[in-house]
Amino acid sequence: MDEVAARDIASECRPAAGPRPVVGIICCTRREGDHALHAVVEKYVVAAAEGAGVMPVLVPALDAGYAEDAVARLDGLLAPGSRSNVEPHHYGGPPSIPETAHDPARDGMALPLLRAAVAADLPVLAICRGIQELNVALGGSLHQQVHAVPGRLDHRAPKGPIDLRYGHRAHPVDLVAGGFFERLAGARQITVNSLHGQGIDRLASGLAVEATAPDGQIEAVRLPQARFVVGVQWHPEYRLGDDPFSRALFAAFGAACRAHAARRGG
């Protein structure tokens, strides 16, 4: 990323004085002994607070009836990554292969929550599983195993410690000419830490491609008619301070959330 472009974005998106906008982060569910937990990995919370300058709150994976109430109280929504996959019945796909990790409670909250957020023009940043949820919520479908698709790369993480899995520079992505990401980056290409098994197959109606991997796999999308609805397949939240584009992306998300808070008098 062009460092001048990064500095320009940081200057334009610097948080203003006053209360921080409230951004919901969608929880995953897991079990710990006899207890069911609703949880978010800390790196997303820290990136939202420090990179976007917002007040993060966790949105539990409850049923769809809470979606519109949640959206009405938020200034932005972050759909984070997860080891679980969206269940294929949500997009008319074939059954998952055995041993695939799923989180039906998260599916049950995230998909209607994303639809409600889009309907309310709430700023959305969707990461990894989040971009897949966004695509499915708006009517698209997924490749369940990108590496099994002829001509596609193996986008899965390398084995090893977390710094290797999330910190490796997986591949470049080409940014669409004249798109939001090209303007944000000040360049036509960036290198990303993409690590995923699933990926977008049929793009949802209304979404526009913002970035593609060398094999043609969609790596970033945007909803053009929205003020800020963006999804990335890689992990900009990891080591946020080391990557100018990641900082610019979270800063732009934070600016959109502050603008939404101002419109609703928050």
C-alpha atoms as a PDB file:
ATOM      1  CA  MET A   1       0.000   0.000   0.000  1.00  0.00           C
ATOM      2  CA  ASP A   2       1.139   3.540  -0.777  1.00  0.00           C
ATOM      3  CA  GLU A   3       2.224   5.061   2.575  1.00  0.00           C
ATOM      4  CA  VAL A   4       1.003   8.497   1.452  1.00  0.00           C
ATOM      5  CA  ALA A   5      -2.463   7.041   0.807  1.00  0.00           C
ATOM      6  CA  ALA A   6      -2.375   5.380   4.235  1.00  0.00           C
ATOM      7  CA  ARG A   7      -1.516   8.656   5.941  1.00  0.00           C
ATOM      8  CA  ASP A   8      -4.283  10.441   4.031  1.00  0.00           C
ATOM      9  CA  ILE A   9      -6.842   7.839   5.117  1.00  0.00           C
ATOM     10  CA  ALA A  10      -5.650   7.982   8.725  1.00  0.00           C
ATOM     11  CA  SER A  11      -5.975  11.764   8.708  1.00  0.00           C
ATOM     12  CA  GLU A  12      -9.453  11.708   7.200  1.00  0.00           C
ATOM     13  CA  CYS A  13     -10.705   8.980   9.554  1.00  0.00           C
ATOM     14  CA  ARG A  14      -9.126  10.110  12.835  1.00  0.00           C
ATOM     15  CA  PRO A  15     -11.726   9.693  15.621  1.00  0.00           C
ATOM     16  CA  ALA A  16     -13.451  12.896  16.702  1.00  0.00           C
ATOM     17  CA  ALA A  17     -13.866  13.851  20.338  1.00  0.00           C
ATOM     18  CA  GLY A  18     -16.961  12.529  22.073  1.00  0.00           C
ATOM     19  CA  PRO A  19     -18.580   9.150  22.753  1.00  0.00           C
ATOM     20  CA  ARG A  20     -17.379   6.248  20.669  1.00  0.00           C
ATOM     21  CA  PRO A  21     -19.890   4.674  18.284  1.00  0.00           C
ATOM     22  CA  VAL A  22     -21.115   1.255  19.392  1.00  0.00           C
ATOM     23  CA  VAL A  23     -20.218  -1.663  17.132  1.00  0.00           C
ATOM     24  CA  GLY A  24     -21.632  -5.147  17.580  1.00  0.00           C
ATOM     25  CA  ILE A  25     -19.373  -8.163  17.022  1.00  0.00           C
ATOM     26  CA  ILE A  26     -21.211 -11.398  16.235  1.00  0.00           C
ATOM     27  CA  CYS A  27     -20.434 -14.224  18.661  1.00  0.00           C
ATOM     28  CA  CYS A  28     -19.681 -17.847  17.932  1.00  0.00           C
ATOM     29  CA  THR A  29     -20.888 -20.577  20.270  1.00  0.00           C
ATOM     30  CA  ARG A  30     -18.889 -23.386  21.816  1.00  0.00           C
ATOM     31  CA  ARG A  31     -19.103 -25.711  24.763  1.00  0.00           C
ATOM     32  CA  GLU A  32     -16.841 -25.806  27.793  1.00  0.00           C
ATOM     33  CA  GLY A  33     -17.783 -28.770  29.924  1.00  0.00           C
ATOM     34  CA  ASP A  34     -21.460 -28.444  30.772  1.00  0.00           C
ATOM     35  CA  HIS A  35     -21.602 -24.796  29.724  1.00  0.00           C
ATOM     36  CA  ALA A  36     -22.483 -23.225  26.379  1.00  0.00           C
ATOM     37  CA  LEU A  37     -20.434 -20.077  25.694  1.00  0.00           C
ATOM     38  CA  HIS A  38     -20.976 -17.117  23.369  1.00  0.00           C
ATOM     39  CA  ALA A  39     -17.539 -15.808  22.476  1.00  0.00           C
ATOM     40  CA  VAL A  40     -15.439 -13.631  20.160  1.00  0.00           C
ATOM     41  CA  VAL A  41     -11.679 -13.996  19.650  1.00  0.00           C
ATOM     42  CA  GLU A  42      -9.911 -11.072  21.323  1.00  0.00           C
ATOM     43  CA  LYS A  43      -8.084  -9.850  18.208  1.00  0.00           C
ATOM     44  CA  TYR A  44     -11.393  -8.682  16.675  1.00  0.00           C
ATOM     45  CA  VAL A  45     -12.356  -6.784  19.828  1.00  0.00           C
ATOM     46  CA  VAL A  46      -8.948  -5.075  19.986  1.00  0.00           C
ATOM     47  CA  ALA A  47      -8.954  -4.216  16.273  1.00  0.00           C
ATOM     48  CA  ALA A  48     -12.422  -2.666  16.538  1.00  0.00           C
ATOM     49  CA  ALA A  49     -11.479  -0.631  19.617  1.00  0.00           C
ATOM     50  CA  GLU A  50      -8.016   0.465  18.529  1.00  0.00           C
ATOM     51  CA  GLY A  51      -8.186   0.350  14.737  1.00  0.00           C
ATOM     52  CA  ALA A  52     -11.710   1.691  14.234  1.00  0.00           C
ATOM     53  CA  GLY A  53     -11.912   3.764  17.414  1.00  0.00           C
ATOM     54  CA  VAL A  54     -15.286   2.308  18.414  1.00  0.00           C
ATOM     55  CA  MET A  55     -16.828   0.731  21.504  1.00  0.00           C
ATOM     56  CA  PRO A  56     -17.157  -2.997  20.732  1.00  0.00           C
ATOM     57  CA  VAL A  57     -20.012  -4.991  22.251  1.00  0.00           C
ATOM     58  CA  LEU A  58     -20.621  -8.701  21.802  1.00  0.00           C
ATOM     59  CA  VAL A  59     -23.816  -9.816  20.071  1.00  0.00           C
ATOM     60  CA  PRO A  60     -24.789 -13.282  21.338  1.00  0.00           C
ATOM     61  CA  ALA A  61     -25.817 -15.958  18.853  1.00  0.00           C
ATOM     62  CA  LEU A  62     -29.486 -15.911  19.784  1.00  0.00           C
ATOM     63  CA  ASP A  63     -32.378 -16.518  17.431  1.00  0.00           C
ATOM     64  CA  ALA A  64     -33.318 -14.262  14.529  1.00  0.00           C
ATOM     65  CA  GLY A  65     -35.970 -12.420  16.511  1.00  0.00           C
ATOM     66  CA  TYR A  66     -33.259 -10.241  18.067  1.00  0.00           C
ATOM     67  CA  ALA A  67     -31.734  -9.062  14.783  1.00  0.00           C
ATOM     68  CA  GLU A  68     -33.735  -5.881  14.164  1.00  0.00           C
ATOM     69  CA  ASP A  69     -33.581  -4.872  17.850  1.00  0.00           C
ATOM     70  CA  ALA A  70     -29.799  -5.270  17.791  1.00  0.00           C
ATOM     71  CA  VAL A  71     -29.395  -3.235  14.603  1.00  0.00           C
ATOM     72  CA  ALA A  72     -31.526  -0.408  16.010  1.00  0.00           C
ATOM     73  CA  ARG A  73     -29.081  -0.031  18.928  1.00  0.00           C
ATOM     74  CA  LEU A  74     -25.816  -0.247  16.970  1.00  0.00           C
ATOM     75  CA  ASP A  75     -23.698   2.136  14.921  1.00  0.00           C
ATOM     76  CA  GLY A  76     -21.892  -0.658  13.073  1.00  0.00           C
ATOM     77  CA  LEU A  77     -21.560  -4.429  12.782  1.00  0.00           C
ATOM     78  CA  LEU A  78     -18.423  -6.582  12.598  1.00  0.00           C
ATOM     79  CA  ALA A  79     -18.869 -10.157  11.368  1.00  0.00           C
ATOM     80  CA  PRO A  80     -15.639 -11.938  12.413  1.00  0.00           C
ATOM     81  CA  GLY A  81     -13.944 -15.095  11.232  1.00  0.00           C
ATOM     82  CA  SER A  82     -14.427 -18.512  12.786  1.00  0.00           C
ATOM     83  CA  ARG A  83     -13.281 -22.090  12.391  1.00  0.00           C
ATOM     84  CA  SER A  84     -16.873 -23.122  11.714  1.00  0.00           C
ATOM     85  CA  ASN A  85     -18.486 -23.103   8.269  1.00  0.00           C
ATOM     86  CA  VAL A  86     -21.893 -21.818   7.204  1.00  0.00           C
ATOM     87  CA  GLU A  87     -24.199 -24.815   6.907  1.00  0.00           C
ATOM     88  CA  PRO A  88     -24.837 -25.507   3.203  1.00  0.00           C
ATOM     89  CA  HIS A  89     -28.621 -25.772   3.492  1.00  0.00           C
ATOM     90  CA  HIS A  90     -28.647 -21.971   3.843  1.00  0.00           C
ATOM     91  CA  TYR A  91     -27.554 -21.610   0.215  1.00  0.00           C
ATOM     92  CA  GLY A  92     -28.872 -24.814  -1.338  1.00  0.00           C
ATOM     93  CA  GLY A  93     -25.521 -26.609  -1.318  1.00  0.00           C
ATOM     94  CA  PRO A  94     -24.877 -30.345  -0.940  1.00  0.00           C
ATOM     95  CA  PRO A  95     -24.321 -31.808   2.544  1.00  0.00           C
ATOM     96  CA  SER A  96     -20.985 -31.031   4.171  1.00  0.00           C
ATOM     97  CA  ILE A  97     -18.234 -33.592   4.224  1.00  0.00           C
ATOM     98  CA  PRO A  98     -17.983 -35.521   7.522  1.00  0.00           C
ATOM     99  CA  GLU A  99     -16.266 -33.778  10.444  1.00  0.00           C
ATOM    100  CA  THR A 100     -16.956 -30.268   9.088  1.00  0.00           C
ATOM    101  CA  ALA A 101     -17.265 -27.765  11.929  1.00  0.00           C
ATOM    102  CA  HIS A 102     -20.592 -25.932  12.027  1.00  0.00           C
ATOM    103  CA  ASP A 103     -22.210 -23.405  14.360  1.00  0.00           C
ATOM    104  CA  PRO A 104     -25.957 -23.411  13.664  1.00  0.00           C
ATOM    105  CA  ALA A 105     -26.614 -20.860  16.429  1.00  0.00           C
ATOM    106  CA  ARG A 106     -24.269 -18.373  14.775  1.00  0.00           C
ATOM    107  CA  ASP A 107     -25.852 -19.051  11.369  1.00  0.00           C
ATOM    108  CA  GLY A 108     -29.268 -18.459  12.930  1.00  0.00           C
ATOM    109  CA  MET A 109     -28.262 -15.034  14.226  1.00  0.00           C
ATOM    110  CA  ALA A 110     -25.657 -13.824  11.733  1.00  0.00           C
ATOM    111  CA  LEU A 111     -27.630 -14.287   8.517  1.00  0.00           C
ATOM    112  CA  PRO A 112     -30.764 -12.377   9.583  1.00  0.00           C
ATOM    113  CA  LEU A 113     -28.604  -9.842  11.449  1.00  0.00           C
ATOM    114  CA  LEU A 114     -26.632  -9.070   8.293  1.00  0.00           C
ATOM    115  CA  ARG A 115     -29.838  -8.744   6.265  1.00  0.00           C
ATOM    116  CA  ALA A 116     -31.274  -6.385   8.876  1.00  0.00           C
ATOM    117  CA  ALA A 117     -28.039  -4.364   8.934  1.00  0.00           C
ATOM    118  CA  VAL A 118     -28.076  -3.963   5.156  1.00  0.00           C
ATOM    119  CA  ALA A 119     -31.753  -2.946   5.215  1.00  0.00           C
ATOM    120  CA  ALA A 120     -30.984  -0.305   7.851  1.00  0.00           C
ATOM    121  CA  ASP A 121     -27.850   0.945   6.010  1.00  0.00           C
ATOM    122  CA  LEU A 122     -25.743   0.064   9.051  1.00  0.00           C
ATOM    123  CA  PRO A 123     -21.962   0.018   8.395  1.00  0.00           C
ATOM    124  CA  VAL A 124     -20.723  -3.572   8.111  1.00  0.00           C
ATOM    125  CA  LEU A 125     -17.220  -5.025   8.042  1.00  0.00           C
ATOM    126  CA  ALA A 126     -17.249  -8.778   7.343  1.00  0.00           C
ATOM    127  CA  ILE A 127     -14.066 -10.854   7.763  1.00  0.00           C
ATOM    128  CA  CYS A 128     -13.374 -14.446   6.616  1.00  0.00           C
ATOM    129  CA  ARG A 129     -16.476 -16.398   7.738  1.00  0.00           C
ATOM    130  CA  GLY A 130     -18.140 -12.978   7.796  1.00  0.00           C
ATOM    131  CA  ILE A 131     -17.727 -12.381   4.053  1.00  0.00           C
ATOM    132  CA  GLN A 132     -19.143 -15.851   3.436  1.00  0.00           C
ATOM    133  CA  GLU A 133     -22.124 -15.072   5.692  1.00  0.00           C
ATOM    134  CA  LEU A 134     -22.670 -11.741   3.938  1.00  0.00           C
ATOM    135  CA  ASN A 135     -22.727 -13.437   0.543  1.00  0.00           C
ATOM    136  CA  VAL A 136     -25.130 -16.159   1.729  1.00  0.00           C
ATOM    137  CA  ALA A 137     -27.366 -13.678   3.589  1.00  0.00           C
ATOM    138  CA  LEU A 138     -27.857 -11.723   0.360  1.00  0.00           C
ATOM    139  CA  GLY A 139     -28.557 -14.799  -1.779  1.00  0.00           C
ATOM    140  CA  GLY A 140     -25.150 -16.083  -2.911  1.00  0.00           C
ATOM    141  CA  SER A 141     -23.519 -19.489  -2.515  1.00  0.00           C
ATOM    142  CA  LEU A 142     -20.185 -20.929  -1.360  1.00  0.00           C
ATOM    143  CA  HIS A 143     -17.520 -23.379  -2.438  1.00  0.00           C
ATOM    144  CA  GLN A 144     -17.264 -25.704   0.541  1.00  0.00           C
ATOM    145  CA  GLN A 145     -13.683 -26.673  -0.376  1.00  0.00           C
ATOM    146  CA  VAL A 146     -11.976 -24.092  -2.546  1.00  0.00           C
ATOM    147  CA  HIS A 147      -8.870 -26.297  -2.879  1.00  0.00           C
ATOM    148  CA  ALA A 148     -11.004 -29.018  -4.506  1.00  0.00           C
ATOM    149  CA  VAL A 149     -12.262 -26.701  -7.260  1.00  0.00           C
ATOM    150  CA  PRO A 150     -10.299 -27.255 -10.497  1.00  0.00           C
ATOM    151  CA  GLY A 151      -7.828 -24.464 -11.113  1.00  0.00           C
ATOM    152  CA  ARG A 152      -8.035 -23.008  -7.611  1.00  0.00           C
ATOM    153  CA  LEU A 153      -5.205 -22.698  -5.108  1.00  0.00           C
ATOM    154  CA  ASP A 154      -5.160 -24.257  -1.651  1.00  0.00           C
ATOM    155  CA  HIS A 155      -6.113 -21.235   0.465  1.00  0.00           C
ATOM    156  CA  ARG A 156      -5.983 -23.083   3.781  1.00  0.00           C
ATOM    157  CA  ALA A 157      -3.631 -22.006   6.552  1.00  0.00           C
ATOM    158  CA  PRO A 158      -0.204 -23.614   6.910  1.00  0.00           C
ATOM    159  CA  LYS A 159       0.168 -25.877   9.905  1.00  0.00           C
ATOM    160  CA  GLY A 160       2.001 -24.484  12.906  1.00  0.00           C
ATOM    161  CA  PRO A 161       1.699 -21.806  15.604  1.00  0.00           C
ATOM    162  CA  ILE A 162      -0.755 -18.937  15.296  1.00  0.00           C
ATOM    163  CA  ASP A 163       1.895 -16.446  14.165  1.00  0.00           C
ATOM    164  CA  LEU A 164       2.663 -18.675  11.190  1.00  0.00           C
ATOM    165  CA  ARG A 165      -0.961 -19.407  10.353  1.00  0.00           C
ATOM    166  CA  TYR A 166      -2.207 -15.826  10.556  1.00  0.00           C
ATOM    167  CA  GLY A 167       1.003 -13.930   9.915  1.00  0.00           C
ATOM    168  CA  HIS A 168       2.100 -15.548   6.656  1.00  0.00           C
ATOM    169  CA  ARG A 169       1.722 -13.556   3.444  1.00  0.00           C
ATOM    170  CA  ALA A 170      -0.369 -16.016   1.482  1.00  0.00           C
ATOM    171  CA  HIS A 171      -0.691 -14.382  -1.921  1.00  0.00           C
ATOM    172  CA  PRO A 172      -1.320 -11.066  -3.655  1.00  0.00           C
ATOM    173  CA  VAL A 173      -4.820  -9.903  -4.509  1.00  0.00           C
ATOM    174  CA  ASP A 174      -5.666  -7.718  -7.487  1.00  0.00           C
ATOM    175  CA  LEU A 175      -7.861  -4.748  -6.609  1.00  0.00           C
ATOM    176  CA  VAL A 176     -10.577  -3.726  -9.058  1.00  0.00           C
ATOM    177  CA  ALA A 177      -9.636  -0.596 -10.992  1.00  0.00           C
ATOM    178  CA  GLY A 178     -11.516   2.438  -9.685  1.00  0.00           C
ATOM    179  CA  GLY A 179     -12.961   0.456  -6.762  1.00  0.00           C
ATOM    180  CA  PHE A 180     -13.142   1.372  -3.090  1.00  0.00           C
ATOM    181  CA  PHE A 181     -10.186  -0.855  -2.198  1.00  0.00           C
ATOM    182  CA  GLU A 182      -7.942   0.602  -4.902  1.00  0.00           C
ATOM    183  CA  ARG A 183      -8.725   4.103  -3.650  1.00  0.00           C
ATOM    184  CA  LEU A 184      -8.074   2.995  -0.065  1.00  0.00           C
ATOM    185  CA  ALA A 185      -4.771   1.317  -0.952  1.00  0.00           C
ATOM    186  CA  GLY A 186      -3.457   3.772  -3.508  1.00  0.00           C
ATOM    187  CA  ALA A 187      -2.364   0.699  -5.486  1.00  0.00           C
ATOM    188  CA  ARG A 188      -3.767  -2.030  -7.741  1.00  0.00           C
ATOM    189  CA  GLN A 189      -2.380  -4.925  -5.698  1.00  0.00           C
ATOM    190  CA  ILE A 190      -1.757  -5.823  -2.055  1.00  0.00           C
ATOM    191  CA  THR A 191      -0.522  -9.012  -0.369  1.00  0.00           C
ATOM    192  CA  VAL A 192      -2.810 -10.642   2.190  1.00  0.00           C
ATOM    193  CA  ASN A 193      -2.822 -13.317   4.909  1.00  0.00           C
ATOM    194  CA  SER A 194      -5.705 -15.256   3.410  1.00  0.00           C
ATOM    195  CA  LEU A 195      -6.416 -18.640   5.059  1.00  0.00           C
ATOM    196  CA  HIS A 196      -9.729 -20.329   4.422  1.00  0.00           C
ATOM    197  CA  GLY A 197     -11.349 -23.549   3.252  1.00  0.00           C
ATOM    198  CA  GLN A 198     -14.675 -22.157   2.074  1.00  0.00           C
ATOM    199  CA  GLY A 199     -15.040 -19.251  -0.309  1.00  0.00           C
ATOM    200  CA  ILE A 200     -17.544 -17.394  -2.454  1.00  0.00           C
ATOM    201  CA  ASP A 201     -18.939 -19.343  -5.388  1.00  0.00           C
ATOM    202  CA  ARG A 202     -21.988 -17.531  -6.828  1.00  0.00           C
ATOM    203  CA  LEU A 203     -21.802 -13.860  -5.918  1.00  0.00           C
ATOM    204  CA  ALA A 204     -24.965 -12.469  -4.320  1.00  0.00           C
ATOM    205  CA  SER A 205     -26.987 -10.045  -6.393  1.00  0.00           C
ATOM    206  CA  GLY A 206     -26.019  -6.481  -5.513  1.00  0.00           C
ATOM    207  CA  LEU A 207     -22.510  -7.279  -4.269  1.00  0.00           C
ATOM    208  CA  ALA A 208     -19.549  -6.056  -6.320  1.00  0.00           C
ATOM    209  CA  VAL A 209     -16.139  -7.712  -6.448  1.00  0.00           C
ATOM    210  CA  GLU A 210     -13.337  -5.567  -4.990  1.00  0.00           C
ATOM    211  CA  ALA A 211     -10.415  -8.025  -5.026  1.00  0.00           C
ATOM    212  CA  THR A 212      -9.492 -11.430  -6.468  1.00  0.00           C
ATOM    213  CA  ALA A 213      -6.722 -13.946  -5.772  1.00  0.00           C
ATOM    214  CA  PRO A 214      -4.365 -15.115  -8.571  1.00  0.00           C
ATOM    215  CA  ASP A 215      -6.642 -18.128  -9.183  1.00  0.00           C
ATOM    216  CA  GLY A 216      -9.733 -15.937  -9.620  1.00  0.00           C
ATOM    217  CA  GLN A 217     -11.180 -16.634  -6.162  1.00  0.00           C
ATOM    218  CA  ILE A 218     -13.144 -13.643  -4.856  1.00  0.00           C
ATOM    219  CA  GLU A 219     -11.290 -12.145  -1.889  1.00  0.00           C
ATOM    220  CA  ALA A 220     -13.186  -8.905  -1.199  1.00  0.00           C
ATOM    221  CA  VAL A 221     -16.644  -7.494  -1.926  1.00  0.00           C
ATOM    222  CA  ARG A 222     -18.634  -4.320  -1.399  1.00  0.00           C
ATOM    223  CA  LEU A 223     -22.318  -3.393  -1.563  1.00  0.00           C
ATOM    224  CA  PRO A 224     -22.214  -0.296  -3.797  1.00  0.00           C
ATOM    225  CA  GLN A 225     -25.605   1.135  -2.846  1.00  0.00           C
ATOM    226  CA  ALA A 226     -24.721   1.091   0.872  1.00  0.00           C
ATOM    227  CA  ARG A 227     -22.702   3.728   2.693  1.00  0.00           C
ATOM    228  CA  PHE A 228     -20.295   1.063   3.995  1.00  0.00           C
ATOM    229  CA  VAL A 229     -20.837  -2.685   3.593  1.00  0.00           C
ATOM    230  CA  VAL A 230     -17.506  -4.394   2.927  1.00  0.00           C
ATOM    231  CA  GLY A 231     -16.249  -7.971   3.190  1.00  0.00           C
ATOM    232  CA  VAL A 232     -12.736  -9.435   3.025  1.00  0.00           C
ATOM    233  CA  GLN A 233     -11.676 -13.081   2.931  1.00  0.00           C
ATOM    234  CA  TRP A 234      -8.335 -12.409   4.643  1.00  0.00           C
ATOM    235  CA  HIS A 235      -7.560 -11.279   8.224  1.00  0.00           C
ATOM    236  CA  PRO A 236      -6.836  -7.528   8.527  1.00  0.00           C
ATOM    237  CA  GLU A 237      -7.423  -7.688  12.285  1.00  0.00           C
ATOM    238  CA  TYR A 238      -4.234  -9.708  12.845  1.00  0.00           C
ATOM    239  CA  ARG A 239      -1.186  -7.532  13.611  1.00  0.00           C
ATOM    240  CA  LEU A 240      -3.182  -4.469  12.660  1.00  0.00           C
ATOM    241  CA  GLY A 241      -0.329  -2.130  13.512  1.00  0.00           C
ATOM    242  CA  ASP A 242       2.016  -3.744  10.967  1.00  0.00           C
ATOM    243  CA  ASP A 243      -0.095  -3.301   7.837  1.00  0.00           C
ATOM    244  CA  PRO A 244      -1.023   0.119   6.391  1.00  0.00           C
ATOM    245  CA  PHE A 245      -3.968  -1.196   4.365  1.00  0.00           C
ATOM    246  CA  SER A 246      -5.460  -2.982   7.372  1.00  0.00           C
ATOM    247  CA  ARG A 247      -5.204   0.214   9.413  1.00  0.00           C
ATOM    248  CA  ALA A 248      -6.827   2.186   6.610  1.00  0.00           C
ATOM    249  CA  LEU A 249      -9.667  -0.346   6.299  1.00  0.00           C
ATOM    250  CA  PHE A 250     -10.487  -0.277  10.022  1.00  0.00           C
ATOM    251  CA  ALA A 251     -10.151   3.521  10.084  1.00  0.00           C
ATOM    252  CA  ALA A 252     -12.639   3.812   7.205  1.00  0.00           C
ATOM    253  CA  PHE A 253     -15.027   1.454   9.001  1.00  0.00           C
ATOM    254  CA  GLY A 254     -14.748   3.546  12.161  1.00  0.00           C
ATOM    255  CA  ALA A 255     -15.450   6.734  10.211  1.00  0.00           C
ATOM    256  CA  ALA A 256     -18.581   5.165   8.707  1.00  0.00           C
ATOM    257  CA  CYS A 257     -19.755   4.125  12.192  1.00  0.00           C
ATOM    258  CA  ARG A 258     -19.223   7.628  13.563  1.00  0.00           C
ATOM    259  CA  ALA A 259     -21.186   9.083  10.652  1.00  0.00           C
ATOM    260  CA  HIS A 260     -24.015   6.635  11.355  1.00  0.00           C
ATOM    261  CA  ALA A 261     -24.018   7.570  15.050  1.00  0.00           C
ATOM    262  CA  ALA A 262     -24.246  11.265  14.100  1.00  0.00           C
ATOM    263  CA  ARG A 263     -27.196  10.619  11.781  1.00  0.00           C
ATOM    264  CA  ARG A 264     -29.155   8.822  14.474  1.00  0.00           C
ATOM    265  CA  GLY A 265     -28.159  11.357  17.145  1.00  0.00           C
ATOM    266  CA  GLY A 266     -25.979   8.877  19.049  1.00  0.00           C
END
